[in-house]
């Protein structure tokens, strides 16, 4: 049974000095990727413990993405 569901490769988090806008854009892309992966895992989970795990991942990813969007809109 496959336990981990991932969509594509994780976006790179380049450590080079960036402007705050570029860093925020990169964090938004990473948060979107994490949200998509949590949805993908939730869709295929059958074990109740895995379902709970993906629910927590979804909630955390949604809150992070919402926070970053608010930061982006505040620029």
C-alpha atoms as a PDB file:
ATOM      1  CA  UNK A   1       0.000   0.000   0.000  1.00  0.00           C
ATOM      2  CA  UNK A   2       1.311   3.413  -0.943  1.00  0.00           C
ATOM      3  CA  UNK A   3       1.398   5.700   2.087  1.00  0.00           C
ATOM      4  CA  UNK A   4       2.769   8.956   0.710  1.00  0.00           C
ATOM      5  CA  UNK A   5       1.168  10.879  -2.121  1.00  0.00           C
ATOM      6  CA  UNK A   6       3.203  13.684  -3.668  1.00  0.00           C
ATOM      7  CA  UNK A   7       2.511  15.877  -6.650  1.00  0.00           C
ATOM      8  CA  UNK A   8       5.639  16.619  -8.664  1.00  0.00           C
ATOM      9  CA  UNK A   9       8.778  17.959  -7.102  1.00  0.00           C
ATOM     10  CA  UNK A  10       8.876  20.390  -4.243  1.00  0.00           C
ATOM     11  CA  UNK A  11       9.528  23.979  -5.355  1.00  0.00           C
ATOM     12  CA  UNK A  12      13.036  25.061  -4.501  1.00  0.00           C
ATOM     13  CA  UNK A  13      13.581  27.495  -1.672  1.00  0.00           C
ATOM     14  CA  UNK A  14      16.598  29.369  -2.941  1.00  0.00           C
ATOM     15  CA  UNK A  15      18.734  30.802  -0.171  1.00  0.00           C
ATOM     16  CA  UNK A  16      20.205  33.619  -2.241  1.00  0.00           C
ATOM     17  CA  UNK A  17      19.404  37.103  -1.036  1.00  0.00           C
ATOM     18  CA  UNK A  18      16.072  38.133  -2.485  1.00  0.00           C
ATOM     19  CA  UNK A  19      13.731  41.005  -2.195  1.00  0.00           C
ATOM     20  CA  UNK A  20      10.912  40.503   0.320  1.00  0.00           C
ATOM     21  CA  UNK A  21       8.443  40.226  -2.568  1.00  0.00           C
ATOM     22  CA  UNK A  22      10.412  37.407  -4.204  1.00  0.00           C
ATOM     23  CA  UNK A  23      10.739  35.559  -0.902  1.00  0.00           C
ATOM     24  CA  UNK A  24       7.005  35.912  -0.261  1.00  0.00           C
ATOM     25  CA  UNK A  25       6.177  34.708  -3.788  1.00  0.00           C
ATOM     26  CA  UNK A  26       8.418  31.682  -3.292  1.00  0.00           C
ATOM     27  CA  UNK A  27       6.771  30.930   0.072  1.00  0.00           C
ATOM     28  CA  UNK A  28       3.338  31.195  -1.550  1.00  0.00           C
ATOM     29  CA  UNK A  29       4.346  28.689  -4.232  1.00  0.00           C
ATOM     30  CA  UNK A  30       5.641  26.319  -1.577  1.00  0.00           C
ATOM     31  CA  UNK A  31       2.469  26.674   0.507  1.00  0.00           C
ATOM     32  CA  UNK A  32       0.316  25.983  -2.574  1.00  0.00           C
ATOM     33  CA  UNK A  33       2.374  22.871  -3.322  1.00  0.00           C
ATOM     34  CA  UNK A  34       1.936  21.658   0.276  1.00  0.00           C
ATOM     35  CA  UNK A  35      -1.812  22.293   0.082  1.00  0.00           C
ATOM     36  CA  UNK A  36      -2.125  20.385  -3.203  1.00  0.00           C
ATOM     37  CA  UNK A  37      -0.190  17.453  -1.753  1.00  0.00           C
ATOM     38  CA  UNK A  38      -2.351  17.344   1.351  1.00  0.00           C
ATOM     39  CA  UNK A  39      -5.485  17.266  -0.836  1.00  0.00           C
ATOM     40  CA  UNK A  40      -4.000  14.497  -2.984  1.00  0.00           C
ATOM     41  CA  UNK A  41      -3.160  12.395   0.057  1.00  0.00           C
ATOM     42  CA  UNK A  42      -6.569  12.948   1.618  1.00  0.00           C
ATOM     43  CA  UNK A  43      -8.365  11.800  -1.532  1.00  0.00           C
ATOM     44  CA  UNK A  44      -6.648   8.411  -1.491  1.00  0.00           C
ATOM     45  CA  UNK A  45      -6.419   7.751   2.247  1.00  0.00           C
ATOM     46  CA  UNK A  46      -8.514   4.856   3.519  1.00  0.00           C
ATOM     47  CA  UNK A  47      -7.098   4.275   6.997  1.00  0.00           C
ATOM     48  CA  UNK A  48      -8.809   6.411   9.685  1.00  0.00           C
ATOM     49  CA  UNK A  49      -5.442   7.437  11.169  1.00  0.00           C
ATOM     50  CA  UNK A  50      -4.191   8.595   7.772  1.00  0.00           C
ATOM     51  CA  UNK A  51      -7.410  10.509   7.179  1.00  0.00           C
ATOM     52  CA  UNK A  52      -6.909  12.326  10.496  1.00  0.00           C
ATOM     53  CA  UNK A  53      -3.307  13.063   9.563  1.00  0.00           C
ATOM     54  CA  UNK A  54      -4.304  14.564   6.221  1.00  0.00           C
ATOM     55  CA  UNK A  55      -7.051  16.642   7.858  1.00  0.00           C
ATOM     56  CA  UNK A  56      -4.442  18.198  10.157  1.00  0.00           C
ATOM     57  CA  UNK A  57      -2.089  18.754   7.202  1.00  0.00           C
ATOM     58  CA  UNK A  58      -4.892  20.401   5.222  1.00  0.00           C
ATOM     59  CA  UNK A  59      -5.799  22.719   8.072  1.00  0.00           C
ATOM     60  CA  UNK A  60      -2.181  23.735   8.637  1.00  0.00           C
ATOM     61  CA  UNK A  61      -1.512  24.254   4.918  1.00  0.00           C
ATOM     62  CA  UNK A  62      -4.703  26.302   4.466  1.00  0.00           C
ATOM     63  CA  UNK A  63      -3.874  28.563   7.399  1.00  0.00           C
ATOM     64  CA  UNK A  64      -0.319  29.099   6.166  1.00  0.00           C
ATOM     65  CA  UNK A  65      -1.492  29.820   2.624  1.00  0.00           C
ATOM     66  CA  UNK A  66      -4.181  32.230   3.893  1.00  0.00           C
ATOM     67  CA  UNK A  67      -1.610  34.030   6.063  1.00  0.00           C
ATOM     68  CA  UNK A  68       0.813  34.399   3.164  1.00  0.00           C
ATOM     69  CA  UNK A  69      -1.960  35.670   0.877  1.00  0.00           C
ATOM     70  CA  UNK A  70      -2.840  38.309   3.447  1.00  0.00           C
ATOM     71  CA  UNK A  71       0.818  39.307   3.591  1.00  0.00           C
ATOM     72  CA  UNK A  72       0.927  39.509  -0.213  1.00  0.00           C
ATOM     73  CA  UNK A  73      -2.210  41.647  -0.341  1.00  0.00           C
ATOM     74  CA  UNK A  74      -0.706  43.979   2.263  1.00  0.00           C
ATOM     75  CA  UNK A  75       2.270  44.858   0.039  1.00  0.00           C
END
